Amino acid sequence: MSVIKLLKTLAKRIPKPKKRQTRDWADVRLNERREGLAEEFLEQHGYSHSDIAGQPNTYTYDLDGKIKAFSEYAKGHKSGTSVKTFNNPTLKSLRDWMGY
């Protein structure tokens, strides 16, 4: 068998890379900031607006207009609510916080 035929045969056996799946929010650049982005992102992930701070899976606004997202956590025997404050976040920072 010639070297060229051998290379062609081997090339057929090598799996081709899979096409990259489109990511969520493909129409929004990762470094983009826009009004309502954080709220829409949080609501898509099961959060809802609340006027009462500290309830799990809710978000509120502070006096400066920043968004505070409250999440329930459990580590070992400890459980509680954590808070993350966003000030006009990018889509990338929201995705990083969510663990993408």
C-alpha atoms as a PDB file:
ATOM      1  CA  MET A   1       0.000   0.000   0.000  1.00  0.00           C
ATOM      2  CA  SER A   2       1.346   3.383  -0.906  1.00  0.00           C
ATOM      3  CA  VAL A   3       1.925   6.048   1.687  1.00  0.00           C
ATOM      4  CA  ILE A   4      -0.797   8.262   0.192  1.00  0.00           C
ATOM      5  CA  LYS A   5      -3.418   5.500   0.366  1.00  0.00           C
ATOM      6  CA  LEU A   6      -2.365   4.736   3.919  1.00  0.00           C
ATOM      7  CA  LEU A   7      -2.729   8.391   4.925  1.00  0.00           C
ATOM      8  CA  LYS A   8      -6.154   8.642   3.255  1.00  0.00           C
ATOM      9  CA  THR A   9      -7.298   5.496   5.062  1.00  0.00           C
ATOM     10  CA  LEU A  10      -6.069   6.828   8.396  1.00  0.00           C
ATOM     11  CA  ALA A  11      -7.675  10.226   7.753  1.00  0.00           C
ATOM     12  CA  LYS A  12     -11.054   8.536   7.272  1.00  0.00           C
ATOM     13  CA  ARG A  13     -10.725   6.843  10.650  1.00  0.00           C
ATOM     14  CA  ILE A  14      -9.934  10.041  12.569  1.00  0.00           C
ATOM     15  CA  PRO A  15     -13.172  11.482  13.934  1.00  0.00           C
ATOM     16  CA  LYS A  16     -14.026  14.918  12.639  1.00  0.00           C
ATOM     17  CA  PRO A  17     -14.548  17.634  15.236  1.00  0.00           C
ATOM     18  CA  LYS A  18     -18.186  18.180  16.110  1.00  0.00           C
ATOM     19  CA  LYS A  19     -19.765  21.436  15.162  1.00  0.00           C
ATOM     20  CA  ARG A  20     -19.981  23.848  18.025  1.00  0.00           C
ATOM     21  CA  GLN A  21     -23.483  24.208  19.392  1.00  0.00           C
ATOM     22  CA  THR A  22     -24.933  27.652  19.440  1.00  0.00           C
ATOM     23  CA  ARG A  23     -24.874  29.110  22.913  1.00  0.00           C
ATOM     24  CA  ASP A  24     -27.807  30.589  24.713  1.00  0.00           C
ATOM     25  CA  TRP A  25     -28.330  34.277  24.021  1.00  0.00           C
ATOM     26  CA  ALA A  26     -26.396  34.009  20.749  1.00  0.00           C
ATOM     27  CA  ASP A  27     -27.643  37.459  19.709  1.00  0.00           C
ATOM     28  CA  VAL A  28     -25.941  39.130  22.711  1.00  0.00           C
ATOM     29  CA  ARG A  29     -22.174  39.604  22.796  1.00  0.00           C
ATOM     30  CA  LEU A  30     -20.526  38.303  25.967  1.00  0.00           C
ATOM     31  CA  ASN A  31     -19.102  41.731  26.842  1.00  0.00           C
ATOM     32  CA  GLU A  32     -22.386  43.534  26.199  1.00  0.00           C
ATOM     33  CA  ARG A  33     -24.183  45.493  28.902  1.00  0.00           C
ATOM     34  CA  ARG A  34     -27.742  46.647  28.446  1.00  0.00           C
ATOM     35  CA  GLU A  35     -30.735  47.665  30.462  1.00  0.00           C
ATOM     36  CA  GLY A  36     -32.822  44.721  31.627  1.00  0.00           C
ATOM     37  CA  LEU A  37     -30.215  42.102  30.699  1.00  0.00           C
ATOM     38  CA  ALA A  38     -29.593  40.939  34.277  1.00  0.00           C
ATOM     39  CA  GLU A  39     -33.284  40.773  35.109  1.00  0.00           C
ATOM     40  CA  GLU A  40     -34.099  38.780  31.978  1.00  0.00           C
ATOM     41  CA  PHE A  41     -31.157  36.430  32.577  1.00  0.00           C
ATOM     42  CA  LEU A  42     -32.122  35.830  36.204  1.00  0.00           C
ATOM     43  CA  GLU A  43     -35.767  35.191  35.317  1.00  0.00           C
ATOM     44  CA  GLN A  44     -34.739  32.664  32.670  1.00  0.00           C
ATOM     45  CA  HIS A  45     -32.867  30.839  35.423  1.00  0.00           C
ATOM     46  CA  GLY A  46     -35.808  30.655  37.827  1.00  0.00           C
ATOM     47  CA  TYR A  47     -35.355  33.873  39.797  1.00  0.00           C
ATOM     48  CA  SER A  48     -38.200  36.307  40.335  1.00  0.00           C
ATOM     49  CA  HIS A  49     -38.400  39.907  41.495  1.00  0.00           C
ATOM     50  CA  SER A  50     -39.287  40.459  45.142  1.00  0.00           C
ATOM     51  CA  ASP A  51     -39.615  43.523  47.324  1.00  0.00           C
ATOM     52  CA  ILE A  52     -38.437  41.486  50.317  1.00  0.00           C
ATOM     53  CA  ALA A  53     -34.682  40.937  50.413  1.00  0.00           C
ATOM     54  CA  GLY A  54     -33.197  37.595  51.373  1.00  0.00           C
ATOM     55  CA  GLN A  55     -35.706  35.166  49.918  1.00  0.00           C
ATOM     56  CA  PRO A  56     -34.025  32.367  47.932  1.00  0.00           C
ATOM     57  CA  ASN A  57     -34.152  32.543  44.127  1.00  0.00           C
ATOM     58  CA  THR A  58     -35.254  36.167  44.048  1.00  0.00           C
ATOM     59  CA  TYR A  59     -33.670  39.477  43.164  1.00  0.00           C
ATOM     60  CA  THR A  60     -34.202  42.961  44.530  1.00  0.00           C
ATOM     61  CA  TYR A  61     -32.852  46.446  43.866  1.00  0.00           C
ATOM     62  CA  ASP A  62     -30.822  48.415  46.396  1.00  0.00           C
ATOM     63  CA  LEU A  63     -30.922  52.188  46.818  1.00  0.00           C
ATOM     64  CA  ASP A  64     -28.214  52.687  44.179  1.00  0.00           C
ATOM     65  CA  GLY A  65     -30.148  50.701  41.566  1.00  0.00           C
ATOM     66  CA  LYS A  66     -27.874  47.671  41.808  1.00  0.00           C
ATOM     67  CA  ILE A  67     -29.425  44.228  41.526  1.00  0.00           C
ATOM     68  CA  LYS A  68     -29.025  41.800  44.411  1.00  0.00           C
ATOM     69  CA  ALA A  69     -29.622  38.136  43.587  1.00  0.00           C
ATOM     70  CA  PHE A  70     -30.334  35.770  46.468  1.00  0.00           C
ATOM     71  CA  SER A  71     -29.503  32.073  46.114  1.00  0.00           C
ATOM     72  CA  GLU A  72     -30.042  29.150  48.428  1.00  0.00           C
ATOM     73  CA  TYR A  73     -26.971  27.076  49.265  1.00  0.00           C
ATOM     74  CA  ALA A  74     -26.160  23.989  51.290  1.00  0.00           C
ATOM     75  CA  LYS A  75     -22.698  22.816  52.334  1.00  0.00           C
ATOM     76  CA  GLY A  76     -22.559  19.837  54.604  1.00  0.00           C
ATOM     77  CA  HIS A  77     -24.762  20.609  57.599  1.00  0.00           C
ATOM     78  CA  LYS A  78     -24.901  24.326  56.846  1.00  0.00           C
ATOM     79  CA  SER A  79     -27.481  25.944  54.631  1.00  0.00           C
ATOM     80  CA  GLY A  80     -28.606  29.480  54.028  1.00  0.00           C
ATOM     81  CA  THR A  81     -28.958  32.225  51.480  1.00  0.00           C
ATOM     82  CA  SER A  82     -26.085  33.885  49.637  1.00  0.00           C
ATOM     83  CA  VAL A  83     -26.265  37.251  47.918  1.00  0.00           C
ATOM     84  CA  LYS A  84     -24.548  38.502  44.772  1.00  0.00           C
ATOM     85  CA  THR A  85     -24.686  42.203  43.853  1.00  0.00           C
ATOM     86  CA  PHE A  86     -24.601  43.194  40.178  1.00  0.00           C
ATOM     87  CA  ASN A  87     -23.925  46.704  38.923  1.00  0.00           C
ATOM     88  CA  ASN A  88     -24.769  46.760  35.194  1.00  0.00           C
ATOM     89  CA  PRO A  89     -23.187  43.323  34.544  1.00  0.00           C
ATOM     90  CA  THR A  90     -22.060  41.893  31.234  1.00  0.00           C
ATOM     91  CA  LEU A  91     -23.547  38.678  29.918  1.00  0.00           C
ATOM     92  CA  LYS A  92     -20.178  36.998  30.559  1.00  0.00           C
ATOM     93  CA  SER A  93     -20.174  37.972  34.245  1.00  0.00           C
ATOM     94  CA  LEU A  94     -23.730  36.684  34.627  1.00  0.00           C
ATOM     95  CA  ARG A  95     -22.822  33.399  32.936  1.00  0.00           C
ATOM     96  CA  ASP A  96     -19.674  33.034  35.057  1.00  0.00           C
ATOM     97  CA  TRP A  97     -21.666  33.587  38.236  1.00  0.00           C
ATOM     98  CA  MET A  98     -24.246  31.023  37.119  1.00  0.00           C
ATOM     99  CA  GLY A  99     -21.450  28.506  36.533  1.00  0.00           C
ATOM    100  CA  TYR A 100     -21.445  28.153  32.751  1.00  0.00           C
END
